[in-house]
C-alpha atoms as a PDB file:
ATOM      1  CA  MET A   1     -76.147 -11.654 196.698  1.00  0.00           C
ATOM      2  CA  ASN A   2     -78.974 -12.892 198.324  1.00  0.00           C
ATOM      3  CA  LYS A   3     -78.243 -15.179 201.439  1.00  0.00           C
ATOM      4  CA  TYR A   4     -81.522 -15.919 202.791  1.00  0.00           C
ATOM      5  CA  ILE A   5     -82.973 -19.493 202.481  1.00  0.00           C
ATOM      6  CA  ASP A   6     -86.457 -20.040 202.894  1.00  0.00           C
ATOM      7  CA  ILE A   7     -87.134 -23.430 204.968  1.00  0.00           C
ATOM      8  CA  GLN A   8     -90.178 -25.464 204.299  1.00  0.00           C
ATOM      9  CA  ASP A   9     -90.776 -28.350 205.679  1.00  0.00           C
ATOM     10  CA  LEU A  10     -93.436 -30.375 203.655  1.00  0.00           C
ATOM     11  CA  GLY A  11     -94.197 -33.387 206.148  1.00  0.00           C
ATOM     12  CA  LEU A  12     -94.902 -36.708 205.222  1.00  0.00           C
ATOM     13  CA  LYS A  13     -95.367 -36.317 201.066  1.00  0.00           C
ATOM     14  CA  ASP A  14     -95.433 -38.390 198.001  1.00  0.00           C
ATOM     15  CA  TYR A  15     -92.235 -38.514 195.949  1.00  0.00           C
ATOM     16  CA  LYS A  16     -93.650 -37.059 192.376  1.00  0.00           C
ATOM     17  CA  GLU A  17     -95.314 -34.946 194.119  1.00  0.00           C
ATOM     18  CA  ALA A  18     -92.190 -33.234 195.907  1.00  0.00           C
ATOM     19  CA  TRP A  19     -90.242 -33.824 192.860  1.00  0.00           C
ATOM     20  CA  ASP A  20     -92.922 -31.591 190.943  1.00  0.00           C
ATOM     21  CA  TYR A  21     -92.530 -28.642 193.690  1.00  0.00           C
ATOM     22  CA  GLN A  22     -88.698 -28.702 193.305  1.00  0.00           C
ATOM     23  CA  GLU A  23     -89.010 -28.814 189.858  1.00  0.00           C
ATOM     24  CA  GLU A  24     -91.159 -25.679 190.252  1.00  0.00           C
ATOM     25  CA  LEU A  25     -88.923 -23.888 192.533  1.00  0.00           C
ATOM     26  CA  PHE A  26     -85.965 -25.002 190.173  1.00  0.00           C
ATOM     27  CA  LYS A  27     -87.089 -23.474 187.288  1.00  0.00           C
ATOM     28  CA  GLY A  28     -88.646 -20.493 189.373  1.00  0.00           C
ATOM     29  CA  ILE A  29     -84.892 -19.845 189.495  1.00  0.00           C
ATOM     30  CA  ILE A  30     -83.335 -20.285 186.321  1.00  0.00           C
ATOM     31  CA  ASP A  31     -86.051 -18.442 184.681  1.00  0.00           C
ATOM     32  CA  LEU A  32     -85.218 -15.477 186.671  1.00  0.00           C
ATOM     33  CA  LYS A  33     -82.033 -15.717 186.289  1.00  0.00           C
ATOM     34  CA  ILE A  34     -82.267 -16.022 182.092  1.00  0.00           C
ATOM     35  CA  LYS A  35     -84.330 -12.806 182.661  1.00  0.00           C
ATOM     36  CA  ASN A  36     -81.815 -11.003 184.457  1.00  0.00           C
ATOM     37  CA  ARG A  37     -79.217 -12.378 181.894  1.00  0.00           C
ATOM     38  CA  ARG A  38     -81.638 -11.008 179.041  1.00  0.00           C
ATOM     39  CA  GLU A  39     -83.127  -8.305 180.272  1.00  0.00           C
ATOM     40  CA  GLU A  40     -79.494  -6.800 181.981  1.00  0.00           C
ATOM     41  CA  THR A  41     -81.514  -7.006 185.359  1.00  0.00           C
ATOM     42  CA  ASN A  42     -80.043  -7.709 188.634  1.00  0.00           C
ATOM     43  CA  LEU A  43     -83.131  -9.262 190.642  1.00  0.00           C
ATOM     44  CA  GLU A  44     -82.067 -11.001 193.740  1.00  0.00           C
ATOM     45  CA  THR A  45     -82.546 -15.226 192.746  1.00  0.00           C
ATOM     46  CA  PRO A  46     -84.182 -16.814 195.898  1.00  0.00           C
ATOM     47  CA  ASN A  47     -83.074 -20.402 197.771  1.00  0.00           C
ATOM     48  CA  TYR A  48     -85.047 -22.822 199.501  1.00  0.00           C
ATOM     49  CA  PHE A  49     -84.594 -25.855 201.632  1.00  0.00           C
ATOM     50  CA  LEU A  50     -87.070 -28.314 201.701  1.00  0.00           C
ATOM     51  CA  PHE A  51     -87.558 -31.266 204.833  1.00  0.00           C
ATOM     52  CA  VAL A  52     -89.877 -34.128 203.902  1.00  0.00           C
ATOM     53  CA  GLU A  53     -90.974 -37.679 204.554  1.00  0.00           C
ATOM     54  CA  HIS A  54     -91.373 -39.891 201.305  1.00  0.00           C
ATOM     55  CA  PRO A  55     -94.216 -43.186 201.682  1.00  0.00           C
ATOM     56  CA  HIS A  56     -91.722 -45.861 200.805  1.00  0.00           C
ATOM     57  CA  VAL A  57     -89.641 -45.021 197.196  1.00  0.00           C
ATOM     58  CA  TYR A  58     -87.368 -46.389 194.954  1.00  0.00           C
ATOM     59  CA  THR A  59     -85.603 -43.567 192.806  1.00  0.00           C
ATOM     60  CA  LEU A  60     -83.015 -44.529 190.280  1.00  0.00           C
ATOM     61  CA  GLY A  61     -80.535 -41.781 189.173  1.00  0.00           C
ATOM     62  CA  LYS A  62     -79.489 -41.048 185.109  1.00  0.00           C
ATOM     63  CA  SER A  63     -76.343 -42.911 185.560  1.00  0.00           C
ATOM     64  CA  GLY A  64     -78.305 -45.977 187.869  1.00  0.00           C
ATOM     65  CA  ASP A  65     -78.648 -49.257 186.619  1.00  0.00           C
ATOM     66  CA  LEU A  66     -82.041 -51.005 187.019  1.00  0.00           C
ATOM     67  CA  SER A  67     -80.611 -54.623 188.227  1.00  0.00           C
ATOM     68  CA  ASN A  68     -79.422 -52.599 191.447  1.00  0.00           C
ATOM     69  CA  LEU A  69     -83.211 -52.892 191.826  1.00  0.00           C
ATOM     70  CA  LEU A  70     -83.305 -56.478 193.101  1.00  0.00           C
ATOM     71  CA  ILE A  71     -87.778 -57.113 193.122  1.00  0.00           C
ATOM     72  CA  SER A  72     -90.061 -57.121 190.649  1.00  0.00           C
ATOM     73  CA  GLU A  73     -93.724 -54.855 189.924  1.00  0.00           C
ATOM     74  CA  ALA A  74     -95.680 -57.115 191.851  1.00  0.00           C
ATOM     75  CA  LYS A  75     -93.513 -56.699 194.954  1.00  0.00           C
ATOM     76  CA  LEU A  76     -92.944 -53.231 194.995  1.00  0.00           C
ATOM     77  CA  ALA A  77     -97.125 -53.000 195.237  1.00  0.00           C
ATOM     78  CA  GLU A  78     -96.736 -55.893 197.911  1.00  0.00           C
ATOM     79  CA  ILE A  79     -94.907 -53.537 199.862  1.00  0.00           C
ATOM     80  CA  GLU A  80     -96.269 -50.735 199.256  1.00  0.00           C
ATOM     81  CA  ALA A  81     -93.253 -49.117 197.882  1.00  0.00           C
ATOM     82  CA  SER A  82     -93.439 -47.354 194.637  1.00  0.00           C
ATOM     83  CA  TYR A  83     -90.309 -46.440 191.994  1.00  0.00           C
ATOM     84  CA  TYR A  84     -89.005 -43.407 189.898  1.00  0.00           C
ATOM     85  CA  LYS A  85     -86.419 -43.079 187.131  1.00  0.00           C
ATOM     86  CA  ILE A  86     -85.367 -39.581 188.248  1.00  0.00           C
ATOM     87  CA  ASN A  87     -83.105 -36.591 186.680  1.00  0.00           C
ATOM     88  CA  ARG A  88     -80.354 -36.637 189.835  1.00  0.00           C
ATOM     89  CA  GLY A  89     -76.921 -37.857 189.824  1.00  0.00           C
ATOM     90  CA  GLY A  90     -76.064 -41.381 191.272  1.00  0.00           C
ATOM     91  CA  ASP A  91     -77.602 -44.867 191.053  1.00  0.00           C
ATOM     92  CA  ILE A  92     -80.529 -46.272 193.289  1.00  0.00           C
ATOM     93  CA  THR A  93     -82.074 -45.080 196.553  1.00  0.00           C
ATOM     94  CA  TYR A  94     -84.840 -45.908 199.060  1.00  0.00           C
ATOM     95  CA  HIS A  95     -87.081 -43.106 200.668  1.00  0.00           C
ATOM     96  CA  GLY A  96     -89.673 -44.256 203.424  1.00  0.00           C
ATOM     97  CA  PRO A  97     -91.046 -43.241 206.935  1.00  0.00           C
ATOM     98  CA  GLY A  98     -88.326 -42.325 209.709  1.00  0.00           C
ATOM     99  CA  GLN A  99     -85.252 -40.795 206.809  1.00  0.00           C
ATOM    100  CA  ILE A 100     -85.223 -36.513 206.621  1.00  0.00           C
ATOM    101  CA  VAL A 101     -85.052 -36.156 203.100  1.00  0.00           C
ATOM    102  CA  GLY A 102     -83.680 -32.294 202.628  1.00  0.00           C
ATOM    103  CA  TYR A 103     -83.930 -30.619 198.991  1.00  0.00           C
ATOM    104  CA  PRO A 104     -81.565 -27.932 198.853  1.00  0.00           C
ATOM    105  CA  ILE A 105     -82.853 -25.473 195.889  1.00  0.00           C
ATOM    106  CA  LEU A 106     -80.301 -22.892 195.583  1.00  0.00           C
ATOM    107  CA  ASP A 107     -78.658 -20.585 193.545  1.00  0.00           C
ATOM    108  CA  LEU A 108     -74.784 -21.526 194.459  1.00  0.00           C
ATOM    109  CA  GLU A 109     -73.998 -18.217 192.206  1.00  0.00           C
ATOM    110  CA  ASN A 110     -75.129 -16.332 195.831  1.00  0.00           C
ATOM    111  CA  PHE A 111     -72.657 -18.836 197.569  1.00  0.00           C
ATOM    112  CA  PHE A 112     -70.091 -20.171 195.502  1.00  0.00           C
ATOM    113  CA  THR A 113     -69.574 -21.595 191.926  1.00  0.00           C
ATOM    114  CA  ASP A 114     -68.156 -25.015 192.936  1.00  0.00           C
ATOM    115  CA  ILE A 115     -70.608 -28.703 192.958  1.00  0.00           C
ATOM    116  CA  HIS A 116     -67.838 -30.481 194.299  1.00  0.00           C
ATOM    117  CA  LYS A 117     -67.706 -27.856 197.036  1.00  0.00           C
ATOM    118  CA  TYR A 118     -71.757 -28.145 197.827  1.00  0.00           C
ATOM    119  CA  LEU A 119     -71.321 -32.382 197.960  1.00  0.00           C
ATOM    120  CA  ARG A 120     -68.838 -32.231 200.614  1.00  0.00           C
ATOM    121  CA  PHE A 121     -70.941 -29.345 202.270  1.00  0.00           C
ATOM    122  CA  LEU A 122     -74.019 -31.533 202.587  1.00  0.00           C
ATOM    123  CA  GLU A 123     -71.608 -34.115 203.632  1.00  0.00           C
ATOM    124  CA  GLU A 124     -69.606 -32.327 206.390  1.00  0.00           C
ATOM    125  CA  MET A 125     -73.200 -30.794 207.780  1.00  0.00           C
ATOM    126  CA  VAL A 126     -74.491 -34.604 208.269  1.00  0.00           C
ATOM    127  CA  ILE A 127     -71.140 -35.465 209.772  1.00  0.00           C
ATOM    128  CA  LEU A 128     -71.390 -32.496 212.450  1.00  0.00           C
ATOM    129  CA  THR A 129     -74.877 -33.455 213.140  1.00  0.00           C
ATOM    130  CA  LEU A 130     -74.361 -36.232 213.712  1.00  0.00           C
ATOM    131  CA  ALA A 131     -71.164 -35.857 215.846  1.00  0.00           C
ATOM    132  CA  GLU A 132     -73.788 -34.068 218.072  1.00  0.00           C
ATOM    133  CA  TYR A 133     -75.027 -38.110 218.657  1.00  0.00           C
ATOM    134  CA  GLY A 134     -71.253 -39.470 219.672  1.00  0.00           C
ATOM    135  CA  LEU A 135     -71.158 -41.044 216.408  1.00  0.00           C
ATOM    136  CA  LYS A 136     -68.014 -40.419 214.393  1.00  0.00           C
ATOM    137  CA  ALA A 137     -69.148 -39.871 210.996  1.00  0.00           C
ATOM    138  CA  GLU A 138     -67.045 -39.830 208.071  1.00  0.00           C
ATOM    139  CA  ARG A 139     -66.576 -39.739 204.129  1.00  0.00           C
ATOM    140  CA  SER A 140     -65.933 -42.831 202.248  1.00  0.00           C
ATOM    141  CA  LYS A 141     -63.190 -41.760 199.379  1.00  0.00           C
ATOM    142  CA  GLY A 142     -65.106 -42.569 195.722  1.00  0.00           C
ATOM    143  CA  GLU A 143     -68.512 -43.114 197.670  1.00  0.00           C
ATOM    144  CA  THR A 144     -70.696 -39.536 198.027  1.00  0.00           C
ATOM    145  CA  GLY A 145     -72.945 -40.169 201.508  1.00  0.00           C
ATOM    146  CA  VAL A 146     -71.827 -40.537 204.654  1.00  0.00           C
ATOM    147  CA  TRP A 147     -71.077 -43.697 206.107  1.00  0.00           C
ATOM    148  CA  LEU A 148     -69.370 -45.313 210.089  1.00  0.00           C
ATOM    149  CA  ASP A 149     -66.161 -47.480 210.663  1.00  0.00           C
ATOM    150  CA  VAL A 150     -64.996 -46.769 206.821  1.00  0.00           C
ATOM    151  CA  GLY A 151     -62.244 -48.510 206.312  1.00  0.00           C
ATOM    152  CA  THR A 152     -63.209 -51.643 208.375  1.00  0.00           C
ATOM    153  CA  PRO A 153     -65.796 -54.532 207.351  1.00  0.00           C
ATOM    154  CA  PHE A 154     -68.236 -53.120 209.739  1.00  0.00           C
ATOM    155  CA  ALA A 155     -68.697 -49.796 207.155  1.00  0.00           C
ATOM    156  CA  ARG A 156     -72.278 -48.637 206.858  1.00  0.00           C
ATOM    157  CA  LYS A 157     -73.997 -45.872 205.252  1.00  0.00           C
ATOM    158  CA  ILE A 158     -76.461 -43.400 206.783  1.00  0.00           C
ATOM    159  CA  CYS A 159     -76.886 -40.627 204.365  1.00  0.00           C
ATOM    160  CA  ALA A 160     -77.214 -40.925 200.889  1.00  0.00           C
ATOM    161  CA  LEU A 161     -76.672 -37.600 198.243  1.00  0.00           C
ATOM    162  CA  GLY A 162     -77.573 -36.994 194.881  1.00  0.00           C
ATOM    163  CA  VAL A 163     -77.932 -33.962 193.495  1.00  0.00           C
ATOM    164  CA  ARG A 164     -78.697 -32.254 189.993  1.00  0.00           C
ATOM    165  CA  ALA A 165     -77.571 -28.627 188.800  1.00  0.00           C
ATOM    166  CA  SER A 166     -78.300 -26.281 185.561  1.00  0.00           C
ATOM    167  CA  ARG A 167     -77.110 -23.011 185.656  1.00  0.00           C
ATOM    168  CA  TRP A 168     -75.670 -23.250 189.014  1.00  0.00           C
ATOM    169  CA  VAL A 169     -78.697 -23.714 190.393  1.00  0.00           C
ATOM    170  CA  THR A 170     -79.605 -26.909 192.092  1.00  0.00           C
ATOM    171  CA  MET A 171     -82.029 -29.301 193.427  1.00  0.00           C
ATOM    172  CA  HIS A 172     -82.504 -32.820 195.325  1.00  0.00           C
ATOM    173  CA  GLY A 173     -80.383 -33.304 198.327  1.00  0.00           C
ATOM    174  CA  PHE A 174     -79.596 -35.820 201.154  1.00  0.00           C
ATOM    175  CA  ALA A 175     -81.555 -38.338 202.948  1.00  0.00           C
ATOM    176  CA  LEU A 176     -80.505 -39.621 206.550  1.00  0.00           C
ATOM    177  CA  ASN A 177     -81.854 -42.767 207.787  1.00  0.00           C
ATOM    178  CA  VAL A 178     -83.183 -41.313 211.246  1.00  0.00           C
ATOM    179  CA  ASN A 179     -85.870 -44.167 212.311  1.00  0.00           C
ATOM    180  CA  ALA A 180     -85.781 -45.357 208.840  1.00  0.00           C
ATOM    181  CA  ASN A 181     -87.286 -49.414 208.729  1.00  0.00           C
ATOM    182  CA  LEU A 182     -84.165 -50.905 207.244  1.00  0.00           C
ATOM    183  CA  GLY A 183     -85.465 -54.247 205.815  1.00  0.00           C
ATOM    184  CA  TYR A 184     -86.566 -51.868 202.685  1.00  0.00           C
ATOM    185  CA  PHE A 185     -82.785 -51.417 201.869  1.00  0.00           C
ATOM    186  CA  ASP A 186     -82.794 -55.457 200.985  1.00  0.00           C
ATOM    187  CA  HIS A 187     -84.404 -55.314 198.010  1.00  0.00           C
ATOM    188  CA  MET A 188     -82.126 -52.785 196.673  1.00  0.00           C
ATOM    189  CA  ILE A 189     -77.902 -52.631 195.854  1.00  0.00           C
ATOM    190  CA  PRO A 190     -77.504 -49.481 197.710  1.00  0.00           C
ATOM    191  CA  CYS A 191     -76.126 -46.789 195.545  1.00  0.00           C
ATOM    192  CA  GLY A 192     -74.811 -49.911 193.247  1.00  0.00           C
ATOM    193  CA  ILE A 193     -72.061 -50.585 195.775  1.00  0.00           C
ATOM    194  CA  LYS A 194     -72.834 -54.502 196.845  1.00  0.00           C
ATOM    195  CA  GLY A 195     -71.254 -55.614 200.256  1.00  0.00           C
ATOM    196  CA  LYS A 196     -71.962 -52.522 201.743  1.00  0.00           C
ATOM    197  CA  ALA A 197     -74.561 -51.888 204.686  1.00  0.00           C
ATOM    198  CA  VAL A 198     -77.157 -49.228 205.153  1.00  0.00           C
ATOM    199  CA  THR A 199     -77.714 -47.853 209.039  1.00  0.00           C
ATOM    200  CA  SER A 200     -80.173 -45.522 210.844  1.00  0.00           C
ATOM    201  CA  LEU A 201     -79.531 -43.222 213.745  1.00  0.00           C
ATOM    202  CA  ASN A 202     -81.711 -45.046 216.115  1.00  0.00           C
ATOM    203  CA  VAL A 203     -80.461 -48.505 215.743  1.00  0.00           C
ATOM    204  CA  GLU A 204     -76.433 -47.079 216.547  1.00  0.00           C
ATOM    205  CA  LEU A 205     -77.617 -45.364 218.958  1.00  0.00           C
ATOM    206  CA  GLY A 206     -79.527 -48.406 220.491  1.00  0.00           C
ATOM    207  CA  LYS A 207     -83.074 -46.547 220.437  1.00  0.00           C
ATOM    208  CA  THR A 208     -86.408 -47.228 219.834  1.00  0.00           C
ATOM    209  CA  GLU A 209     -86.832 -43.618 218.087  1.00  0.00           C
ATOM    210  CA  VAL A 210     -84.603 -40.573 217.880  1.00  0.00           C
ATOM    211  CA  SER A 211     -86.622 -36.923 217.631  1.00  0.00           C
ATOM    212  CA  MET A 212     -86.799 -35.531 213.758  1.00  0.00           C
ATOM    213  CA  ALA A 213     -87.187 -32.675 214.830  1.00  0.00           C
ATOM    214  CA  ALA A 214     -84.110 -32.529 217.187  1.00  0.00           C
ATOM    215  CA  VAL A 215     -82.145 -33.778 214.279  1.00  0.00           C
ATOM    216  CA  LYS A 216     -83.663 -30.803 211.637  1.00  0.00           C
ATOM    217  CA  GLU A 217     -82.572 -28.679 213.900  1.00  0.00           C
ATOM    218  CA  LYS A 218     -78.887 -29.895 214.148  1.00  0.00           C
ATOM    219  CA  LEU A 219     -79.219 -30.395 210.293  1.00  0.00           C
ATOM    220  CA  LEU A 220     -80.046 -26.851 209.764  1.00  0.00           C
ATOM    221  CA  LYS A 221     -78.176 -24.833 211.894  1.00  0.00           C
ATOM    222  CA  HIS A 222     -74.842 -26.624 210.459  1.00  0.00           C
ATOM    223  CA  PHE A 223     -76.103 -26.396 206.940  1.00  0.00           C
ATOM    224  CA  MET A 224     -76.550 -21.989 207.614  1.00  0.00           C
ATOM    225  CA  SER A 225     -73.310 -21.781 209.671  1.00  0.00           C
ATOM    226  CA  LEU A 226     -71.323 -23.863 206.524  1.00  0.00           C
ATOM    227  CA  PHE A 227     -73.423 -21.923 203.653  1.00  0.00           C
ATOM    228  CA  ASN A 228     -72.728 -18.109 205.790  1.00  0.00           C
ATOM    229  CA  ALA A 229     -76.606 -18.176 204.900  1.00  0.00           C
ATOM    230  CA  GLU A 230     -79.609 -16.576 207.134  1.00  0.00           C
ATOM    231  CA  ILE A 231     -82.899 -18.402 207.538  1.00  0.00           C
ATOM    232  CA  LYS A 232     -85.955 -16.551 205.967  1.00  0.00           C
ATOM    233  CA  GLU A 233     -88.072 -14.669 209.070  1.00  0.00           C
ATOM    234  CA  LYS A 234     -91.490 -15.837 207.337  1.00  0.00           C
ATOM    235  CA  THR A 235     -90.363 -19.813 208.345  1.00  0.00           C
ATOM    236  CA  ALA A 236     -91.319 -21.405 210.698  1.00  0.00           C
ATOM    237  CA  PHE A 237     -88.104 -22.847 211.475  1.00  0.00           C
ATOM    238  CA  ASN A 238     -86.163 -20.842 214.909  1.00  0.00           C
ATOM    239  CA  ILE A 239     -82.498 -21.861 215.089  1.00  0.00           C
ATOM    240  CA  SER A 240     -80.473 -20.138 217.482  1.00  0.00           C
END
């Protein structure tokens, strides 16, 4: 089993470009697994973890309801945002500058074969990261993602999750609001859940801006620990 993960930071990249790249890596792993099965070989499958920021974009999951996007195509153009219907689970999500988006593209057979556990580990990675900033983040029963002040009238979501998996290979992932423009969330019903607020790390800390690089380092540290994985040597990240 290959527990090395190739970490790549794509910077600011158009959603469709990043999606196409994900699909390419995802398909490459699946094709190798099919080859191994067909030819009775045992070639190692790779694992990837992509960091990216997207220009303003709304994405709707397979089970999503378009009515949760509250603005017209004309308004989308006015606020310089795009829209895509995509192949992950979940409803509508916003991505934009100041948000850390992570796409783990893993062969879970290198780690464990349990999608529920996989989602809980992604949530735990974020919960542990936010704890380093003095925030008590939690899961909200029946609602995937990471929240603050769960069970109170002030409950607010800080991280959204939505994944796709086939043959135990994952794609899509999480979106953590770090320095996000929260006004863009007003144009949708986040994840189809009415009456729940959305927040960002800089808002919670009362800061104009939080270091994105520092947050990425913390996320990776906890991800590697939870998955008992190692960073592939050729990557630029060095997590102590």
